[in-house]
Amino acid sequence: MRRTTRYPVEGANSLWHVYKTVPFAKVVKNFLVIQAGRYTPFLGLKNWLYRTFLKMEIGEQTSFALMVMLDVMFPEKISVGRNTVIGYNTTILAHEYLIKEYRLGNVEIGSEVMIGANTTILPGVSIGDGAIVSAGTLVHKDVPPGAFVGGNPMRIIYTKEELADRWNDDEIYGTAKTGRD
């Protein structure tokens, strides 16, 4: 279950009230920083931009690939551990504006996590250390540490223990070195 805080609105939909929930100047600053980060090939510069201007917590040696889209309204609610890879064109959201309410939630991505390209991560989820998220996944609930998940809706493909057994089998039978199953 996602951990979000709900804020009801009256009248027009919650997005219509956006600048009552987040200052316009903050959104403009965040947009410019995120766009610069999306296109720069310098990983250290991206992390510095995100830590300095977006107030994100980002571990050492974490890599945001080209075109990663961070939450433009509340990027400070996103934290990423060390030595994690966020794949190409991934979207990480910490908010959702709905008709009658908007919701905010922290996104916690652990250390040594691999997130495949074109993944969408919704607000209020946690991705445990060592997890692998397959490309194109919609992360709508927590991912256990070390698990391999994928799909839409997301499901656990292998638990940490099943994945460890599979990797041990690959080493025994030589498929990991040759790439053959």
Protein backbone atom coordinates (compact mmCIF):
# COMPACT_ATOMS: atom_id res chain seq x y z
CA MET A 1 0.00 0.00 0.00
CA ARG A 2 1.28 3.45 -0.88
CA ARG A 3 1.83 5.94 1.92
CA THR A 4 0.35 9.25 0.79
CA THR A 5 -1.25 12.15 2.59
CA ARG A 6 -4.58 13.22 1.10
CA TYR A 7 -5.62 16.87 0.76
CA PRO A 8 -9.25 17.44 -0.30
CA VAL A 9 -10.19 20.39 -2.52
CA GLU A 10 -13.51 22.04 -3.26
CA GLY A 11 -14.79 23.41 -6.52
CA ALA A 12 -12.47 22.92 -9.49
CA ASN A 13 -10.17 19.89 -9.71
CA SER A 14 -7.03 19.86 -7.58
CA LEU A 15 -4.67 20.71 -10.46
CA TRP A 16 -6.62 23.92 -10.98
CA HIS A 17 -5.52 24.81 -7.42
CA VAL A 18 -1.87 23.90 -8.07
CA TYR A 19 -0.32 27.24 -7.11
CA LYS A 20 -2.15 27.19 -3.81
CA THR A 21 -0.30 23.94 -3.04
CA VAL A 22 3.17 24.84 -4.35
CA PRO A 23 4.67 28.27 -5.11
CA PHE A 24 4.93 29.18 -8.79
CA ALA A 25 8.58 30.30 -8.39
CA LYS A 26 9.49 26.91 -6.90
CA VAL A 27 7.93 25.09 -9.85
CA VAL A 28 9.81 27.28 -12.36
CA LYS A 29 13.15 26.76 -10.54
CA ASN A 30 12.56 23.00 -10.25
CA PHE A 31 11.55 22.76 -13.91
CA LEU A 32 14.75 24.50 -15.07
CA VAL A 33 16.99 22.36 -12.84
CA ILE A 34 15.25 19.12 -13.85
CA GLN A 35 15.44 19.97 -17.56
CA ALA A 36 19.17 20.74 -17.24
CA GLY A 37 19.66 17.43 -15.44
CA ARG A 38 17.64 15.46 -17.97
CA TYR A 39 19.98 16.44 -20.80
CA THR A 40 23.41 16.68 -19.19
CA PRO A 41 25.66 13.66 -19.71
CA PHE A 42 27.66 14.43 -16.55
CA LEU A 43 26.37 12.19 -13.75
CA GLY A 44 28.19 14.03 -10.97
CA LEU A 45 26.78 17.35 -12.15
CA LYS A 46 23.23 15.93 -12.16
CA ASN A 47 23.59 14.70 -8.59
CA TRP A 48 25.01 18.06 -7.50
CA LEU A 49 22.13 19.94 -9.19
CA TYR A 50 19.53 17.68 -7.59
CA ARG A 51 21.10 17.83 -4.11
CA THR A 52 21.80 21.56 -4.19
CA PHE A 53 18.73 23.02 -5.87
CA LEU A 54 16.04 20.36 -5.40
CA LYS A 55 17.05 19.34 -1.84
CA MET A 56 16.99 15.65 -2.77
CA GLU A 57 18.91 13.03 -0.80
CA ILE A 58 21.10 11.13 -3.25
CA GLY A 59 23.77 8.59 -2.33
CA GLU A 60 27.27 8.52 -3.76
CA GLN A 61 27.78 7.01 -7.22
CA THR A 62 24.08 6.98 -8.02
CA SER A 63 23.37 7.41 -11.73
CA PHE A 64 20.36 9.12 -13.28
CA ALA A 65 20.27 8.22 -16.97
CA LEU A 66 19.36 10.58 -19.78
CA MET A 67 15.80 11.97 -19.71
CA VAL A 68 14.85 10.88 -16.16
CA MET A 69 11.87 13.03 -15.13
CA LEU A 70 11.70 13.93 -11.46
CA ASP A 71 8.64 15.31 -9.71
CA VAL A 72 8.63 19.00 -10.63
CA MET A 73 6.42 20.02 -7.70
CA PHE A 74 7.95 18.13 -4.76
CA PRO A 75 11.36 16.63 -5.71
CA GLU A 76 12.54 17.00 -2.10
CA LYS A 77 10.26 14.07 -1.26
CA ILE A 78 12.45 11.74 -3.36
CA SER A 79 15.48 10.00 -1.84
CA VAL A 80 17.85 7.57 -3.55
CA GLY A 81 20.55 5.45 -1.91
CA ARG A 82 24.11 4.90 -3.07
CA ASN A 83 25.26 3.18 -6.27
CA THR A 84 21.75 3.00 -7.75
CA VAL A 85 20.91 3.25 -11.46
CA ILE A 86 17.74 5.05 -12.57
CA GLY A 87 17.12 4.05 -16.21
CA TYR A 88 16.44 6.15 -19.28
CA ASN A 89 13.18 8.14 -19.36
CA THR A 90 12.02 6.97 -15.92
CA THR A 91 9.45 9.17 -14.16
CA ILE A 92 9.47 9.53 -10.37
CA LEU A 93 6.38 11.19 -8.89
CA ALA A 94 5.86 12.41 -5.32
CA HIS A 95 2.44 13.93 -6.01
CA GLU A 96 -0.80 13.14 -7.79
CA TYR A 97 -3.47 15.71 -8.55
CA LEU A 98 -6.93 14.17 -8.79
CA ILE A 99 -10.44 15.61 -9.22
CA LYS A 100 -11.47 15.99 -5.56
CA GLU A 101 -8.06 15.82 -3.85
CA TYR A 102 -4.34 15.81 -4.28
CA ARG A 103 -1.93 13.39 -2.62
CA LEU A 104 1.69 13.70 -1.57
CA GLY A 105 4.03 10.88 -0.61
CA ASN A 106 7.73 10.24 -0.16
CA VAL A 107 9.53 8.00 -2.63
CA GLU A 108 12.38 6.05 -1.07
CA ILE A 109 14.71 4.19 -3.41
CA GLY A 110 17.38 2.11 -1.67
CA SER A 111 21.02 1.44 -2.42
CA GLU A 112 22.30 -0.84 -5.20
CA VAL A 113 18.90 -0.66 -6.95
CA MET A 114 18.53 -1.08 -10.72
CA ILE A 115 15.52 0.64 -12.29
CA GLY A 116 14.98 -0.15 -15.96
CA ALA A 117 14.13 2.37 -18.68
CA ASN A 118 10.67 3.89 -19.04
CA THR A 119 9.59 2.99 -15.52
CA THR A 120 7.04 5.10 -13.63
CA ILE A 121 7.29 5.28 -9.84
CA LEU A 122 4.21 6.57 -8.03
CA PRO A 123 4.18 8.58 -4.78
CA GLY A 124 4.39 6.88 -1.41
CA VAL A 125 6.39 3.81 -2.40
CA SER A 126 9.63 2.34 -1.15
CA ILE A 127 12.03 0.28 -3.27
CA GLY A 128 14.29 -1.83 -1.08
CA ASP A 129 18.06 -2.19 -1.28
CA GLY A 130 19.30 -4.41 -4.09
CA ALA A 131 15.96 -4.55 -5.91
CA ILE A 132 15.70 -4.79 -9.69
CA VAL A 133 12.78 -3.10 -11.48
CA SER A 134 12.24 -4.27 -15.05
CA ALA A 135 11.96 -1.72 -17.86
CA GLY A 136 8.49 -0.29 -18.41
CA THR A 137 7.20 -1.13 -14.95
CA LEU A 138 4.56 0.87 -13.10
CA VAL A 139 5.75 0.83 -9.47
CA HIS A 140 2.46 1.25 -7.59
CA LYS A 141 3.42 -0.49 -4.34
CA ASP A 142 6.51 -1.21 -2.26
CA VAL A 143 9.27 -3.38 -3.70
CA PRO A 144 10.94 -5.72 -1.17
CA PRO A 145 14.74 -5.59 -0.82
CA GLY A 146 16.51 -7.76 -3.40
CA ALA A 147 13.36 -8.60 -5.35
CA PHE A 148 13.08 -8.57 -9.14
CA VAL A 149 9.78 -6.95 -10.19
CA GLY A 150 8.16 -5.97 -13.45
CA GLY A 151 5.01 -5.34 -15.40
CA ASN A 152 1.87 -3.28 -15.32
CA PRO A 153 0.47 -3.97 -12.86
CA MET A 154 3.79 -4.61 -11.16
CA ARG A 155 4.31 -8.07 -9.72
CA ILE A 156 7.19 -9.86 -8.06
CA ILE A 157 8.96 -12.01 -10.64
CA TYR A 158 11.61 -13.33 -8.24
CA THR A 159 12.07 -12.83 -4.52
CA LYS A 160 15.55 -12.09 -3.21
CA GLU A 161 16.02 -15.79 -2.37
CA GLU A 162 14.70 -17.06 -5.73
CA LEU A 163 16.95 -14.62 -7.59
CA ALA A 164 19.99 -15.73 -5.56
CA ASP A 165 19.20 -19.39 -6.39
CA ARG A 166 18.84 -18.52 -10.07
CA TRP A 167 22.19 -16.70 -10.12
CA ASN A 168 23.85 -19.64 -8.36
CA ASP A 169 22.39 -22.02 -10.98
CA ASP A 170 23.69 -19.76 -13.76
CA GLU A 171 27.20 -19.91 -12.27
CA ILE A 172 27.04 -23.69 -11.88
CA TYR A 173 25.80 -24.30 -15.44
CA GLY A 174 27.83 -21.55 -17.07
CA THR A 175 24.89 -19.64 -18.50
CA ALA A 176 25.85 -16.41 -16.77
CA LYS A 177 29.19 -16.33 -18.55
CA THR A 178 27.91 -17.37 -21.98
CA GLY A 179 24.52 -15.65 -21.91
CA ARG A 180 22.74 -18.92 -22.83
CA ASP A 181 19.86 -20.40 -20.81
